[in-house]
Amino acid sequence: MTSFSLRECLYYAKELGSSVYLCFLDARQAFDRLWHDGLFHKLLSTSGVNDPDPVIDTNTLLTLREMYRNSTSRVRHRGLISEPLPVRQGTRQGGNS
């Protein structure tokens, strides 16, 4: 999905003759410790509704926030499955939604 999105952005910018700026972040351990509420608070505070050049557009930000709202996970061990546990940090890394 990421490579598709990146490719489409590059094609679109090329058609318009526009510049493209990329930034990559290698923060493997940060993904396990990412605090959801803190992240979205920071993103919302830097991407104001009236900001003419927001860091992240509002619709994308709200979509990402919904993906993490009320996240739960279960633990499977020796054929037994736990009750749902709230997930308040870390990034989604596969599994069933």
C-alpha atoms as a PDB file:
ATOM      1  CA  MET A   1       0.000   0.000   0.000  1.00  0.00           C
ATOM      2  CA  THR A   2       2.777   2.444   0.896  1.00  0.00           C
ATOM      3  CA  SER A   3       4.695   1.857  -2.328  1.00  0.00           C
ATOM      4  CA  PHE A   4       1.489   2.347  -4.351  1.00  0.00           C
ATOM      5  CA  SER A   5       0.723   5.632  -2.593  1.00  0.00           C
ATOM      6  CA  LEU A   6       4.277   6.848  -3.040  1.00  0.00           C
ATOM      7  CA  ARG A   7       4.288   5.907  -6.716  1.00  0.00           C
ATOM      8  CA  GLU A   8       0.971   7.704  -7.319  1.00  0.00           C
ATOM      9  CA  CYS A   9       2.244  10.841  -5.574  1.00  0.00           C
ATOM     10  CA  LEU A  10       5.365  10.823  -7.730  1.00  0.00           C
ATOM     11  CA  TYR A  11       3.378  10.375 -10.962  1.00  0.00           C
ATOM     12  CA  TYR A  12       0.977  13.147  -9.987  1.00  0.00           C
ATOM     13  CA  ALA A  13       3.790  15.564  -9.132  1.00  0.00           C
ATOM     14  CA  LYS A  14       5.590  14.719 -12.370  1.00  0.00           C
ATOM     15  CA  GLU A  15       2.438  15.451 -14.400  1.00  0.00           C
ATOM     16  CA  LEU A  16       2.161  18.848 -12.734  1.00  0.00           C
ATOM     17  CA  GLY A  17       5.887  19.569 -12.957  1.00  0.00           C
ATOM     18  CA  SER A  18       5.936  19.916  -9.184  1.00  0.00           C
ATOM     19  CA  SER A  19       8.692  19.131  -6.694  1.00  0.00           C
ATOM     20  CA  VAL A  20       8.364  16.171  -4.321  1.00  0.00           C
ATOM     21  CA  TYR A  21       9.975  16.064  -0.885  1.00  0.00           C
ATOM     22  CA  LEU A  22      10.319  12.773   0.986  1.00  0.00           C
ATOM     23  CA  CYS A  23      11.291  11.990   4.529  1.00  0.00           C
ATOM     24  CA  PHE A  24      11.928   8.523   5.908  1.00  0.00           C
ATOM     25  CA  LEU A  25      12.065   7.673   9.576  1.00  0.00           C
ATOM     26  CA  ASP A  26      13.681   4.520  10.902  1.00  0.00           C
ATOM     27  CA  ALA A  27      12.389   4.255  14.439  1.00  0.00           C
ATOM     28  CA  ARG A  28      11.793   0.569  15.029  1.00  0.00           C
ATOM     29  CA  GLN A  29      11.596   0.721  18.801  1.00  0.00           C
ATOM     30  CA  ALA A  30       9.384   3.811  18.721  1.00  0.00           C
ATOM     31  CA  PHE A  31       6.622   1.799  17.088  1.00  0.00           C
ATOM     32  CA  ASP A  32       6.226  -0.408  20.149  1.00  0.00           C
ATOM     33  CA  ARG A  33       6.126   2.575  22.501  1.00  0.00           C
ATOM     34  CA  LEU A  34       4.039   5.000  20.479  1.00  0.00           C
ATOM     35  CA  TRP A  35       1.374   6.521  22.745  1.00  0.00           C
ATOM     36  CA  HIS A  36      -1.761   6.977  20.627  1.00  0.00           C
ATOM     37  CA  ASP A  37      -3.381   9.874  22.481  1.00  0.00           C
ATOM     38  CA  GLY A  38      -0.086  11.771  22.668  1.00  0.00           C
ATOM     39  CA  LEU A  39       0.608  11.311  18.960  1.00  0.00           C
ATOM     40  CA  PHE A  40      -2.804  12.547  17.857  1.00  0.00           C
ATOM     41  CA  HIS A  41      -2.684  15.468  20.280  1.00  0.00           C
ATOM     42  CA  LYS A  42       0.614  16.582  18.723  1.00  0.00           C
ATOM     43  CA  LEU A  43      -0.617  16.062  15.171  1.00  0.00           C
ATOM     44  CA  LEU A  44      -3.843  17.960  15.815  1.00  0.00           C
ATOM     45  CA  SER A  45      -1.957  20.850  17.415  1.00  0.00           C
ATOM     46  CA  THR A  46       0.412  21.170  14.428  1.00  0.00           C
ATOM     47  CA  SER A  47      -2.271  20.687  11.774  1.00  0.00           C
ATOM     48  CA  GLY A  48      -4.748  23.419  12.588  1.00  0.00           C
ATOM     49  CA  VAL A  49      -8.071  23.607  10.761  1.00  0.00           C
ATOM     50  CA  ASN A  50      -7.299  27.141   9.538  1.00  0.00           C
ATOM     51  CA  ASP A  51      -3.683  26.381   8.642  1.00  0.00           C
ATOM     52  CA  PRO A  52      -3.206  27.032   4.890  1.00  0.00           C
ATOM     53  CA  ASP A  53      -0.327  24.528   4.717  1.00  0.00           C
ATOM     54  CA  PRO A  54      -1.041  21.813   7.323  1.00  0.00           C
ATOM     55  CA  VAL A  55       1.474  19.086   8.138  1.00  0.00           C
ATOM     56  CA  ILE A  56      -1.254  16.469   7.572  1.00  0.00           C
ATOM     57  CA  ASP A  57      -4.629  17.258   6.052  1.00  0.00           C
ATOM     58  CA  THR A  58      -7.540  16.988   8.456  1.00  0.00           C
ATOM     59  CA  ASN A  59      -9.314  14.098   6.695  1.00  0.00           C
ATOM     60  CA  THR A  60      -6.189  11.926   6.727  1.00  0.00           C
ATOM     61  CA  LEU A  61      -5.562  12.718  10.372  1.00  0.00           C
ATOM     62  CA  LEU A  62      -9.133  11.887  11.377  1.00  0.00           C
ATOM     63  CA  THR A  63      -8.976   8.621   9.416  1.00  0.00           C
ATOM     64  CA  LEU A  64      -5.772   7.593  11.179  1.00  0.00           C
ATOM     65  CA  ARG A  65      -7.239   8.506  14.563  1.00  0.00           C
ATOM     66  CA  GLU A  66     -10.302   6.342  13.888  1.00  0.00           C
ATOM     67  CA  MET A  67      -8.070   3.377  13.026  1.00  0.00           C
ATOM     68  CA  TYR A  68      -6.639   3.513  16.561  1.00  0.00           C
ATOM     69  CA  ARG A  69      -9.782   4.482  18.500  1.00  0.00           C
ATOM     70  CA  ASN A  70     -10.918   1.734  20.889  1.00  0.00           C
ATOM     71  CA  SER A  71      -8.261  -0.716  19.643  1.00  0.00           C
ATOM     72  CA  THR A  72      -8.205  -4.059  21.400  1.00  0.00           C
ATOM     73  CA  SER A  73      -6.113  -7.173  21.188  1.00  0.00           C
ATOM     74  CA  ARG A  74      -6.399 -10.721  22.447  1.00  0.00           C
ATOM     75  CA  VAL A  75      -3.696 -13.114  23.565  1.00  0.00           C
ATOM     76  CA  ARG A  76      -3.715 -16.687  22.312  1.00  0.00           C
ATOM     77  CA  HIS A  77      -1.734 -19.207  24.368  1.00  0.00           C
ATOM     78  CA  ARG A  78      -1.979 -22.992  24.201  1.00  0.00           C
ATOM     79  CA  GLY A  79      -5.301 -22.867  22.418  1.00  0.00           C
ATOM     80  CA  LEU A  80      -6.898 -20.427  24.867  1.00  0.00           C
ATOM     81  CA  ILE A  81      -7.851 -16.873  23.912  1.00  0.00           C
ATOM     82  CA  SER A  82      -8.004 -14.015  26.417  1.00  0.00           C
ATOM     83  CA  GLU A  83     -10.709 -11.413  26.763  1.00  0.00           C
ATOM     84  CA  PRO A  84     -10.111  -8.254  24.675  1.00  0.00           C
ATOM     85  CA  LEU A  85      -7.420  -5.985  26.129  1.00  0.00           C
ATOM     86  CA  PRO A  86      -7.277  -2.240  25.353  1.00  0.00           C
ATOM     87  CA  VAL A  87      -4.316  -1.189  23.202  1.00  0.00           C
ATOM     88  CA  ARG A  88      -3.172   2.358  23.954  1.00  0.00           C
ATOM     89  CA  GLN A  89       0.329   2.329  22.525  1.00  0.00           C
ATOM     90  CA  GLY A  90       2.241   0.763  19.662  1.00  0.00           C
ATOM     91  CA  THR A  91       1.404   0.634  15.984  1.00  0.00           C
ATOM     92  CA  ARG A  92      -0.893  -1.764  14.185  1.00  0.00           C
ATOM     93  CA  GLN A  93       1.204  -4.541  12.701  1.00  0.00           C
ATOM     94  CA  GLY A  94      -1.101  -6.918  10.939  1.00  0.00           C
ATOM     95  CA  GLY A  95      -3.486  -9.437  12.381  1.00  0.00           C
ATOM     96  CA  ASN A  96      -7.257  -9.353  12.142  1.00  0.00           C
ATOM     97  CA  SER A  97      -8.978  -5.984  12.422  1.00  0.00           C
END
